[in-house]
Amino acid sequence: MDSSLSPSLPPDEAAILAIGRPHPSLWTYYLLNCLVIPPLFPFLVLPMYFRYHTLRYKFTAEGISMSWGILFRREIIIHYARIQDIHLRSNIVERWLGLAKVLIQTASGSSGAEMTLEGLREFEAVRDFLYSKMRGVKDHTHPSPVPGAAGPVLPTATGDAELAAALRETAAELRAVREALERRRN
């Protein structure tokens, strides 16, 4: 994607949004995995071939989608607001090929990753992009629903000192209330 076509996007973000397919080294990785058990190679290579050739990624302003399959088409869509954690994983062969997997976890009940983006060479840029998008969703300040009420406090050095002072004052008041209740019982 030419950066002159979308001047409002940073170059890294434009490159991430342009990713639609895994790197061709993923096919090499799949072939090497199938060769681990030579007698099963003919049975393993066919599903891997179809997975590689149908695997598609789509990064949008709202989230990520990943789809693959011919007979049984699968598609996973995750909105940035649902992302809880992002991990990078690569074994020795993937590192040799310059690849890594980006594992995206959500707050679903499963302990594993909800989506695994594989075959990416720009895995660190994708991870940083996803972190910025997920933080952008979570850190976005919304107007206060109550008119005249204060909005969210932005973290600053002065704000942290004021917050610490308010917490100390609240703790002292709670301590005084607890002591008054204990005296009243006795």
N, C-alpha and C. Protein backbone atom coordinates (compact mmCIF):
# COMPACT_ATOMS: atom_id res chain seq x y z
N MET A 1 0.85 -1.16 0.00
CA MET A 1 0.00 0.00 0.00
C MET A 1 0.89 1.23 0.00
N ASP A 2 0.62 2.16 -0.88
CA ASP A 2 1.40 3.37 -0.98
C ASP A 2 1.00 4.32 0.13
N SER A 3 2.00 4.87 0.85
CA SER A 3 1.68 5.76 1.97
C SER A 3 1.06 7.05 1.49
N SER A 4 1.21 7.42 0.20
CA SER A 4 0.59 8.64 -0.30
C SER A 4 -0.91 8.46 -0.46
N LEU A 5 -1.39 7.21 -0.53
CA LEU A 5 -2.82 6.97 -0.65
C LEU A 5 -3.55 7.21 0.65
N SER A 6 -2.90 7.03 1.76
CA SER A 6 -3.54 7.26 3.06
C SER A 6 -2.62 8.10 3.93
N PRO A 7 -2.57 9.42 3.70
CA PRO A 7 -1.64 10.25 4.45
C PRO A 7 -1.99 10.38 5.92
N SER A 8 -3.23 10.05 6.32
CA SER A 8 -3.62 10.20 7.72
C SER A 8 -3.10 9.06 8.60
N LEU A 9 -2.69 7.96 8.01
CA LEU A 9 -2.21 6.82 8.78
C LEU A 9 -0.69 6.85 8.88
N PRO A 10 -0.15 6.51 10.04
CA PRO A 10 1.31 6.37 10.13
C PRO A 10 1.76 5.23 9.21
N PRO A 11 3.00 5.27 8.73
CA PRO A 11 3.46 4.24 7.79
C PRO A 11 3.33 2.83 8.34
N ASP A 12 3.65 2.62 9.62
CA ASP A 12 3.54 1.28 10.21
C ASP A 12 2.11 0.80 10.22
N GLU A 13 1.19 1.68 10.59
CA GLU A 13 -0.22 1.30 10.66
C GLU A 13 -0.75 0.98 9.27
N ALA A 14 -0.36 1.74 8.27
CA ALA A 14 -0.78 1.47 6.90
C ALA A 14 -0.25 0.11 6.44
N ALA A 15 0.98 -0.23 6.80
CA ALA A 15 1.55 -1.52 6.43
C ALA A 15 0.81 -2.67 7.11
N ILE A 16 0.44 -2.48 8.36
CA ILE A 16 -0.29 -3.52 9.10
C ILE A 16 -1.67 -3.72 8.49
N LEU A 17 -2.36 -2.61 8.20
CA LEU A 17 -3.70 -2.71 7.61
C LEU A 17 -3.66 -3.36 6.22
N ALA A 18 -2.51 -3.33 5.56
CA ALA A 18 -2.37 -3.92 4.22
C ALA A 18 -2.11 -5.42 4.27
N ILE A 19 -1.81 -5.98 5.43
CA ILE A 19 -1.53 -7.43 5.53
C ILE A 19 -2.82 -8.18 5.26
N GLY A 20 -2.77 -9.10 4.32
CA GLY A 20 -3.95 -9.90 4.01
C GLY A 20 -3.66 -11.38 3.94
N ARG A 21 -2.40 -11.73 3.72
CA ARG A 21 -2.01 -13.13 3.59
C ARG A 21 -0.76 -13.39 4.40
N PRO A 22 -0.54 -14.63 4.79
CA PRO A 22 0.72 -14.96 5.48
C PRO A 22 1.89 -14.90 4.52
N HIS A 23 3.07 -14.81 5.06
CA HIS A 23 4.29 -14.79 4.25
C HIS A 23 4.49 -16.16 3.61
N PRO A 24 5.06 -16.22 2.38
CA PRO A 24 5.28 -17.52 1.72
C PRO A 24 6.15 -18.49 2.53
N SER A 25 6.94 -18.02 3.47
CA SER A 25 7.74 -18.91 4.31
C SER A 25 6.86 -19.81 5.17
N LEU A 26 5.60 -19.44 5.37
CA LEU A 26 4.71 -20.29 6.16
C LEU A 26 4.49 -21.63 5.44
N TRP A 27 4.41 -21.61 4.11
CA TRP A 27 4.25 -22.86 3.37
C TRP A 27 5.46 -23.76 3.58
N THR A 28 6.66 -23.17 3.60
CA THR A 28 7.88 -23.94 3.88
C THR A 28 7.80 -24.55 5.28
N TYR A 29 7.34 -23.76 6.23
CA TYR A 29 7.19 -24.25 7.61
C TYR A 29 6.20 -25.42 7.66
N TYR A 30 5.07 -25.29 6.96
CA TYR A 30 4.09 -26.38 6.92
C TYR A 30 4.70 -27.65 6.31
N LEU A 31 5.46 -27.49 5.22
CA LEU A 31 6.09 -28.65 4.59
C LEU A 31 7.07 -29.33 5.53
N LEU A 32 7.88 -28.54 6.22
CA LEU A 32 8.84 -29.11 7.18
C LEU A 32 8.12 -29.84 8.30
N ASN A 33 7.00 -29.30 8.77
CA ASN A 33 6.22 -29.98 9.80
C ASN A 33 5.67 -31.31 9.30
N CYS A 34 5.23 -31.34 8.04
CA CYS A 34 4.68 -32.58 7.49
C CYS A 34 5.77 -33.64 7.28
N LEU A 35 7.01 -33.21 7.07
CA LEU A 35 8.11 -34.15 6.86
C LEU A 35 8.62 -34.80 8.14
N VAL A 36 8.13 -34.34 9.28
CA VAL A 36 8.57 -34.92 10.56
C VAL A 36 8.20 -36.39 10.63
N ILE A 37 7.04 -36.75 10.10
CA ILE A 37 6.60 -38.15 10.07
C ILE A 37 6.43 -38.52 8.59
N PRO A 38 7.49 -38.98 7.93
CA PRO A 38 7.45 -39.23 6.49
C PRO A 38 6.30 -40.12 5.99
N PRO A 39 5.95 -41.20 6.68
CA PRO A 39 4.85 -42.03 6.14
C PRO A 39 3.51 -41.29 6.08
N LEU A 40 3.32 -40.31 6.94
CA LEU A 40 2.06 -39.57 6.96
C LEU A 40 2.08 -38.32 6.08
N PHE A 41 3.19 -38.06 5.43
CA PHE A 41 3.34 -36.86 4.62
C PHE A 41 2.19 -36.64 3.63
N PRO A 42 1.79 -37.67 2.84
CA PRO A 42 0.71 -37.43 1.85
C PRO A 42 -0.62 -37.04 2.51
N PHE A 43 -0.84 -37.51 3.73
CA PHE A 43 -2.10 -37.21 4.40
C PHE A 43 -2.06 -35.86 5.13
N LEU A 44 -0.89 -35.45 5.54
CA LEU A 44 -0.75 -34.19 6.26
C LEU A 44 -0.58 -32.98 5.35
N VAL A 45 0.05 -33.19 4.20
CA VAL A 45 0.38 -32.06 3.34
C VAL A 45 -0.87 -31.45 2.68
N LEU A 46 -1.85 -32.26 2.36
CA LEU A 46 -3.04 -31.73 1.70
C LEU A 46 -3.81 -30.73 2.56
N PRO A 47 -4.14 -31.05 3.82
CA PRO A 47 -4.82 -30.05 4.65
C PRO A 47 -3.96 -28.79 4.87
N MET A 48 -2.65 -28.98 5.00
CA MET A 48 -1.78 -27.81 5.20
C MET A 48 -1.74 -26.93 3.94
N TYR A 49 -1.75 -27.58 2.77
CA TYR A 49 -1.77 -26.84 1.52
C TYR A 49 -3.02 -25.96 1.43
N PHE A 50 -4.18 -26.55 1.71
CA PHE A 50 -5.42 -25.80 1.64
C PHE A 50 -5.48 -24.72 2.72
N ARG A 51 -4.97 -25.01 3.89
CA ARG A 51 -4.96 -24.00 4.95
C ARG A 51 -4.11 -22.80 4.53
N TYR A 52 -2.90 -23.08 4.03
CA TYR A 52 -2.02 -21.98 3.63
C TYR A 52 -2.65 -21.14 2.51
N HIS A 53 -3.20 -21.79 1.51
CA HIS A 53 -3.72 -21.06 0.35
C HIS A 53 -5.06 -20.38 0.58
N THR A 54 -5.75 -20.71 1.66
CA THR A 54 -7.03 -20.04 1.95
C THR A 54 -6.94 -19.11 3.15
N LEU A 55 -5.81 -19.08 3.83
CA LEU A 55 -5.66 -18.26 5.03
C LEU A 55 -5.63 -16.77 4.66
N ARG A 56 -6.53 -16.01 5.27
CA ARG A 56 -6.64 -14.57 5.01
C ARG A 56 -6.78 -13.82 6.33
N TYR A 57 -6.13 -12.65 6.38
CA TYR A 57 -6.24 -11.75 7.52
C TYR A 57 -6.84 -10.44 7.04
N LYS A 58 -7.57 -9.79 7.92
CA LYS A 58 -8.09 -8.46 7.59
C LYS A 58 -8.05 -7.61 8.86
N PHE A 59 -7.28 -6.53 8.80
CA PHE A 59 -7.20 -5.58 9.90
C PHE A 59 -8.05 -4.37 9.52
N THR A 60 -8.99 -4.01 10.38
CA THR A 60 -9.84 -2.85 10.12
C THR A 60 -9.74 -1.89 11.30
N ALA A 61 -10.47 -0.81 11.23
CA ALA A 61 -10.48 0.16 12.32
C ALA A 61 -11.16 -0.41 13.57
N GLU A 62 -12.04 -1.40 13.40
CA GLU A 62 -12.79 -1.96 14.53
C GLU A 62 -12.15 -3.21 15.11
N GLY A 63 -11.46 -4.02 14.28
CA GLY A 63 -10.92 -5.26 14.79
C GLY A 63 -10.17 -6.05 13.73
N ILE A 64 -9.98 -7.34 14.02
CA ILE A 64 -9.22 -8.24 13.16
C ILE A 64 -10.13 -9.39 12.77
N SER A 65 -9.97 -9.87 11.54
CA SER A 65 -10.67 -11.09 11.16
C SER A 65 -9.66 -12.02 10.49
N MET A 66 -9.90 -13.29 10.67
CA MET A 66 -9.04 -14.33 10.11
C MET A 66 -9.96 -15.41 9.57
N SER A 67 -9.72 -15.86 8.33
CA SER A 67 -10.56 -16.90 7.74
C SER A 67 -9.69 -17.89 6.99
N TRP A 68 -10.18 -19.14 6.89
CA TRP A 68 -9.48 -20.20 6.17
C TRP A 68 -10.45 -21.34 5.92
N GLY A 69 -10.09 -22.20 4.99
CA GLY A 69 -10.85 -23.42 4.73
C GLY A 69 -11.55 -23.41 3.38
N ILE A 70 -11.77 -24.61 2.86
CA ILE A 70 -12.49 -24.77 1.59
C ILE A 70 -13.83 -25.44 1.85
N LEU A 71 -13.81 -26.67 2.33
CA LEU A 71 -15.06 -27.37 2.62
C LEU A 71 -15.73 -26.83 3.86
N PHE A 72 -14.95 -26.63 4.89
CA PHE A 72 -15.47 -26.10 6.14
C PHE A 72 -14.79 -24.75 6.37
N ARG A 73 -15.43 -23.70 5.96
CA ARG A 73 -14.86 -22.35 6.05
C ARG A 73 -15.00 -21.86 7.48
N ARG A 74 -13.91 -21.39 8.04
CA ARG A 74 -13.92 -20.84 9.40
C ARG A 74 -13.54 -19.38 9.33
N GLU A 75 -14.16 -18.58 10.18
CA GLU A 75 -13.83 -17.17 10.27
C GLU A 75 -13.92 -16.75 11.73
N ILE A 76 -12.91 -16.03 12.16
CA ILE A 76 -12.87 -15.50 13.52
C ILE A 76 -12.75 -13.99 13.41
N ILE A 77 -13.59 -13.29 14.13
CA ILE A 77 -13.54 -11.83 14.16
C ILE A 77 -13.41 -11.40 15.61
N ILE A 78 -12.42 -10.57 15.89
CA ILE A 78 -12.21 -10.07 17.24
C ILE A 78 -12.13 -8.54 17.18
N HIS A 79 -12.95 -7.90 17.98
CA HIS A 79 -12.90 -6.44 18.09
C HIS A 79 -11.79 -6.07 19.07
N TYR A 80 -11.14 -4.94 18.82
CA TYR A 80 -10.02 -4.52 19.66
C TYR A 80 -10.44 -4.40 21.13
N ALA A 81 -11.68 -4.03 21.40
CA ALA A 81 -12.15 -3.87 22.79
C ALA A 81 -12.16 -5.19 23.53
N ARG A 82 -12.26 -6.31 22.84
CA ARG A 82 -12.30 -7.63 23.50
C ARG A 82 -10.93 -8.19 23.80
N ILE A 83 -9.88 -7.64 23.21
CA ILE A 83 -8.53 -8.19 23.40
C ILE A 83 -8.06 -7.97 24.82
N GLN A 84 -7.62 -9.04 25.47
CA GLN A 84 -7.11 -8.97 26.84
C GLN A 84 -5.58 -9.04 26.88
N ASP A 85 -5.01 -9.90 26.02
CA ASP A 85 -3.56 -10.09 26.06
C ASP A 85 -3.07 -10.55 24.69
N ILE A 86 -1.80 -10.26 24.42
CA ILE A 86 -1.18 -10.61 23.14
C ILE A 86 0.17 -11.25 23.44
N HIS A 87 0.44 -12.40 22.82
CA HIS A 87 1.71 -13.09 23.01
C HIS A 87 2.35 -13.37 21.66
N LEU A 88 3.67 -13.43 21.65
CA LEU A 88 4.43 -13.86 20.48
C LEU A 88 5.02 -15.22 20.79
N ARG A 89 4.97 -16.13 19.82
CA ARG A 89 5.54 -17.45 20.02
C ARG A 89 6.21 -17.90 18.72
N SER A 90 7.41 -18.44 18.86
CA SER A 90 8.08 -19.00 17.69
C SER A 90 9.03 -20.10 18.15
N ASN A 91 9.03 -21.18 17.40
CA ASN A 91 9.97 -22.26 17.70
C ASN A 91 11.24 -22.03 16.88
N ILE A 92 12.15 -22.95 16.96
CA ILE A 92 13.45 -22.76 16.30
C ILE A 92 13.32 -22.71 14.77
N VAL A 93 12.42 -23.50 14.21
CA VAL A 93 12.24 -23.50 12.76
C VAL A 93 11.61 -22.18 12.31
N GLU A 94 10.62 -21.72 13.07
CA GLU A 94 9.98 -20.44 12.73
C GLU A 94 10.99 -19.29 12.83
N ARG A 95 11.84 -19.32 13.85
CA ARG A 95 12.86 -18.27 13.96
C ARG A 95 13.83 -18.34 12.79
N TRP A 96 14.19 -19.55 12.37
CA TRP A 96 15.09 -19.72 11.23
C TRP A 96 14.47 -19.14 9.96
N LEU A 97 13.13 -19.28 9.82
CA LEU A 97 12.43 -18.75 8.65
C LEU A 97 12.04 -17.28 8.83
N GLY A 98 12.27 -16.72 10.01
CA GLY A 98 11.92 -15.33 10.28
C GLY A 98 10.46 -15.12 10.58
N LEU A 99 9.78 -16.15 11.04
CA LEU A 99 8.34 -16.09 11.32
C LEU A 99 8.07 -16.16 12.81
N ALA A 100 6.86 -15.79 13.18
CA ALA A 100 6.38 -15.97 14.55
C ALA A 100 4.87 -15.98 14.52
N LYS A 101 4.28 -16.50 15.58
CA LYS A 101 2.83 -16.51 15.74
C LYS A 101 2.46 -15.42 16.73
N VAL A 102 1.38 -14.71 16.42
CA VAL A 102 0.83 -13.71 17.33
C VAL A 102 -0.43 -14.31 17.91
N LEU A 103 -0.40 -14.61 19.22
CA LEU A 103 -1.54 -15.23 19.90
C LEU A 103 -2.35 -14.14 20.58
N ILE A 104 -3.63 -14.07 20.26
CA ILE A 104 -4.50 -13.03 20.78
C ILE A 104 -5.51 -13.68 21.72
N GLN A 105 -5.52 -13.23 22.96
CA GLN A 105 -6.44 -13.79 23.96
C GLN A 105 -7.52 -12.77 24.27
N THR A 106 -8.73 -13.29 24.49
CA THR A 106 -9.85 -12.47 24.89
C THR A 106 -10.33 -12.95 26.26
N ALA A 107 -11.39 -12.37 26.73
CA ALA A 107 -11.93 -12.74 28.04
C ALA A 107 -12.88 -13.93 27.93
N SER A 108 -12.75 -14.73 26.89
CA SER A 108 -13.60 -15.91 26.75
C SER A 108 -13.22 -16.95 27.79
N GLY A 109 -14.00 -17.97 27.91
CA GLY A 109 -13.76 -18.99 28.92
C GLY A 109 -12.59 -19.90 28.63
N SER A 110 -12.09 -19.91 27.41
CA SER A 110 -10.99 -20.82 27.08
C SER A 110 -9.66 -20.29 27.61
N SER A 111 -8.77 -21.21 27.92
CA SER A 111 -7.46 -20.80 28.45
C SER A 111 -6.49 -20.50 27.33
N GLY A 112 -6.77 -20.95 26.11
CA GLY A 112 -5.87 -20.72 24.99
C GLY A 112 -6.20 -19.43 24.25
N ALA A 113 -5.47 -19.22 23.20
CA ALA A 113 -5.67 -18.01 22.40
C ALA A 113 -6.95 -18.15 21.57
N GLU A 114 -7.67 -17.07 21.46
CA GLU A 114 -8.88 -17.03 20.65
C GLU A 114 -8.51 -17.01 19.16
N MET A 115 -7.40 -16.34 18.83
CA MET A 115 -6.95 -16.24 17.45
C MET A 115 -5.43 -16.33 17.42
N THR A 116 -4.90 -17.05 16.44
CA THR A 116 -3.46 -17.15 16.25
C THR A 116 -3.12 -16.70 14.84
N LEU A 117 -2.46 -15.57 14.74
CA LEU A 117 -2.01 -15.07 13.44
C LEU A 117 -0.65 -15.69 13.19
N GLU A 118 -0.54 -16.52 12.15
CA GLU A 118 0.72 -17.20 11.89
C GLU A 118 1.25 -16.81 10.52
N GLY A 119 2.54 -17.02 10.34
CA GLY A 119 3.16 -16.72 9.06
C GLY A 119 3.45 -15.25 8.86
N LEU A 120 3.70 -14.53 9.95
CA LEU A 120 3.96 -13.09 9.85
C LEU A 120 5.44 -12.81 10.07
N ARG A 121 6.00 -11.99 9.21
CA ARG A 121 7.38 -11.54 9.40
C ARG A 121 7.41 -10.27 10.23
N GLU A 122 6.37 -9.47 10.14
CA GLU A 122 6.32 -8.22 10.90
C GLU A 122 5.52 -8.41 12.19
N PHE A 123 5.82 -9.51 12.89
CA PHE A 123 5.06 -9.89 14.08
C PHE A 123 5.18 -8.87 15.21
N GLU A 124 6.36 -8.28 15.40
CA GLU A 124 6.50 -7.28 16.47
C GLU A 124 5.71 -6.02 16.16
N ALA A 125 5.69 -5.61 14.89
CA ALA A 125 4.90 -4.44 14.50
C ALA A 125 3.41 -4.73 14.67
N VAL A 126 2.99 -5.95 14.35
CA VAL A 126 1.58 -6.33 14.53
C VAL A 126 1.23 -6.31 16.01
N ARG A 127 2.11 -6.86 16.85
CA ARG A 127 1.86 -6.86 18.29
C ARG A 127 1.73 -5.42 18.82
N ASP A 128 2.66 -4.55 18.43
CA ASP A 128 2.61 -3.16 18.88
C ASP A 128 1.36 -2.45 18.37
N PHE A 129 0.97 -2.74 17.13
CA PHE A 129 -0.25 -2.16 16.56
C PHE A 129 -1.47 -2.60 17.36
N LEU A 130 -1.54 -3.90 17.67
CA LEU A 130 -2.69 -4.41 18.43
C LEU A 130 -2.73 -3.82 19.84
N TYR A 131 -1.56 -3.70 20.49
CA TYR A 131 -1.52 -3.10 21.81
C TYR A 131 -2.00 -1.65 21.75
N SER A 132 -1.56 -0.91 20.74
CA SER A 132 -2.00 0.49 20.65
C SER A 132 -3.50 0.58 20.40
N LYS A 133 -4.03 -0.31 19.56
CA LYS A 133 -5.47 -0.30 19.30
C LYS A 133 -6.26 -0.71 20.54
N MET A 134 -5.77 -1.72 21.25
CA MET A 134 -6.50 -2.18 22.43
C MET A 134 -6.43 -1.13 23.53
N ARG A 135 -5.30 -0.45 23.69
CA ARG A 135 -5.20 0.63 24.67
C ARG A 135 -6.03 1.82 24.26
N GLY A 136 -6.06 2.10 22.96
CA GLY A 136 -6.86 3.22 22.47
C GLY A 136 -8.32 3.04 22.76
N VAL A 137 -8.79 1.79 22.70
CA VAL A 137 -10.19 1.51 23.00
C VAL A 137 -10.43 1.66 24.49
N LYS A 138 -9.51 1.13 25.31
CA LYS A 138 -9.72 1.13 26.75
C LYS A 138 -9.41 2.47 27.40
N ASP A 139 -8.48 3.25 26.85
CA ASP A 139 -8.11 4.53 27.44
C ASP A 139 -8.93 5.69 26.91
N HIS A 140 -9.81 5.42 25.96
CA HIS A 140 -10.60 6.49 25.37
C HIS A 140 -11.50 7.10 26.45
N THR A 141 -11.41 8.41 26.63
CA THR A 141 -12.22 9.07 27.65
C THR A 141 -13.59 9.38 27.08
N HIS A 142 -14.61 9.00 27.81
CA HIS A 142 -15.98 9.26 27.41
C HIS A 142 -16.50 10.44 28.22
N PRO A 143 -17.41 11.23 27.64
CA PRO A 143 -17.98 12.32 28.42
C PRO A 143 -18.77 11.76 29.60
N SER A 144 -18.78 12.51 30.69
CA SER A 144 -19.46 12.06 31.89
C SER A 144 -20.97 12.00 31.64
N PRO A 145 -21.65 10.90 32.06
CA PRO A 145 -23.08 10.79 31.83
C PRO A 145 -23.88 11.75 32.68
N VAL A 146 -23.33 12.22 33.80
CA VAL A 146 -24.04 13.13 34.68
C VAL A 146 -23.58 14.56 34.38
N PRO A 147 -24.49 15.48 34.03
CA PRO A 147 -24.05 16.83 33.73
C PRO A 147 -23.39 17.47 34.96
N GLY A 148 -22.28 18.11 34.73
CA GLY A 148 -21.57 18.79 35.82
C GLY A 148 -20.63 17.89 36.58
N ALA A 149 -20.67 16.59 36.34
CA ALA A 149 -19.76 15.67 37.04
C ALA A 149 -18.41 15.68 36.34
N ALA A 150 -17.40 15.41 37.10
CA ALA A 150 -16.05 15.40 36.54
C ALA A 150 -15.84 14.16 35.70
N GLY A 151 -15.07 14.30 34.62
CA GLY A 151 -14.73 13.17 33.76
C GLY A 151 -13.62 12.37 34.38
N PRO A 152 -13.07 11.42 33.66
CA PRO A 152 -11.99 10.60 34.19
C PRO A 152 -10.75 11.44 34.45
N VAL A 153 -10.04 11.06 35.51
CA VAL A 153 -8.81 11.77 35.88
C VAL A 153 -7.67 11.21 35.04
N LEU A 154 -6.98 12.10 34.35
CA LEU A 154 -5.85 11.67 33.55
C LEU A 154 -4.63 11.52 34.45
N PRO A 155 -3.83 10.48 34.27
CA PRO A 155 -2.68 10.28 35.14
C PRO A 155 -1.61 11.33 34.88
N THR A 156 -1.30 12.09 35.91
CA THR A 156 -0.21 13.05 35.87
C THR A 156 0.51 12.96 37.21
N ALA A 157 1.64 13.59 37.32
CA ALA A 157 2.37 13.57 38.58
C ALA A 157 1.53 14.26 39.66
N THR A 158 0.91 15.39 39.33
CA THR A 158 0.07 16.10 40.29
C THR A 158 -1.16 15.28 40.62
N GLY A 159 -1.76 14.65 39.61
CA GLY A 159 -2.94 13.82 39.83
C GLY A 159 -2.63 12.63 40.72
N ASP A 160 -1.46 12.03 40.57
CA ASP A 160 -1.06 10.91 41.41
C ASP A 160 -0.89 11.34 42.87
N ALA A 161 -0.29 12.50 43.09
CA ALA A 161 -0.10 13.01 44.45
C ALA A 161 -1.45 13.32 45.08
N GLU A 162 -2.36 13.92 44.31
CA GLU A 162 -3.70 14.22 44.83
C GLU A 162 -4.46 12.94 45.14
N LEU A 163 -4.33 11.95 44.29
CA LEU A 163 -4.99 10.67 44.52
C LEU A 163 -4.45 10.00 45.78
N ALA A 164 -3.14 10.01 45.95
CA ALA A 164 -2.54 9.42 47.14
C ALA A 164 -3.02 10.14 48.40
N ALA A 165 -3.10 11.47 48.36
CA ALA A 165 -3.57 12.24 49.52
C ALA A 165 -5.03 11.90 49.82
N ALA A 166 -5.86 11.79 48.79
CA ALA A 166 -7.27 11.46 48.98
C ALA A 166 -7.42 10.06 49.57
N LEU A 167 -6.60 9.11 49.10
CA LEU A 167 -6.66 7.76 49.65
C LEU A 167 -6.22 7.72 51.11
N ARG A 168 -5.17 8.48 51.45
CA ARG A 168 -4.73 8.53 52.86
C ARG A 168 -5.83 9.14 53.73
N GLU A 169 -6.47 10.19 53.25
CA GLU A 169 -7.55 10.83 54.00
C GLU A 169 -8.73 9.87 54.19
N THR A 170 -9.09 9.13 53.15
CA THR A 170 -10.18 8.16 53.24
C THR A 170 -9.84 7.05 54.23
N ALA A 171 -8.60 6.57 54.19
CA ALA A 171 -8.18 5.53 55.12
C ALA A 171 -8.24 6.03 56.56
N ALA A 172 -7.83 7.28 56.80
CA ALA A 172 -7.88 7.85 58.16
C ALA A 172 -9.32 7.97 58.63
N GLU A 173 -10.22 8.40 57.75
CA GLU A 173 -11.64 8.51 58.12
C GLU A 173 -12.23 7.13 58.43
N LEU A 174 -11.90 6.13 57.63
CA LEU A 174 -12.40 4.78 57.89
C LEU A 174 -11.87 4.24 59.21
N ARG A 175 -10.61 4.53 59.51
CA ARG A 175 -10.02 4.10 60.77
C ARG A 175 -10.76 4.75 61.94
N ALA A 176 -11.08 6.05 61.81
CA ALA A 176 -11.79 6.76 62.87
C ALA A 176 -13.20 6.20 63.05
N VAL A 177 -13.87 5.86 61.97
CA VAL A 177 -15.22 5.28 62.06
C VAL A 177 -15.15 3.92 62.74
N ARG A 178 -14.17 3.09 62.37
CA ARG A 178 -14.02 1.78 62.98
C ARG A 178 -13.76 1.90 64.48
N GLU A 179 -12.89 2.85 64.88
CA GLU A 179 -12.60 3.04 66.31
C GLU A 179 -13.84 3.53 67.05
N ALA A 180 -14.63 4.42 66.44
CA ALA A 180 -15.86 4.92 67.08
C ALA A 180 -16.86 3.77 67.25
N LEU A 181 -16.97 2.89 66.27
CA LEU A 181 -17.88 1.75 66.39
C LEU A 181 -17.42 0.78 67.46
N GLU A 182 -16.11 0.57 67.58
CA GLU A 182 -15.59 -0.31 68.64
C GLU A 182 -15.85 0.27 70.03
N ARG A 183 -15.68 1.59 70.17
CA ARG A 183 -15.96 2.24 71.48
C ARG A 183 -17.44 2.15 71.81
N ARG A 184 -18.30 2.25 70.81
CA ARG A 184 -19.74 2.21 71.02
C ARG A 184 -20.17 0.81 71.48
N ARG A 185 -19.53 -0.24 70.95
CA ARG A 185 -19.88 -1.60 71.36
C ARG A 185 -19.47 -1.87 72.82
N ASN A 186 -18.38 -1.26 73.25
CA ASN A 186 -17.86 -1.53 74.60
C ASN A 186 -18.57 -0.72 75.61
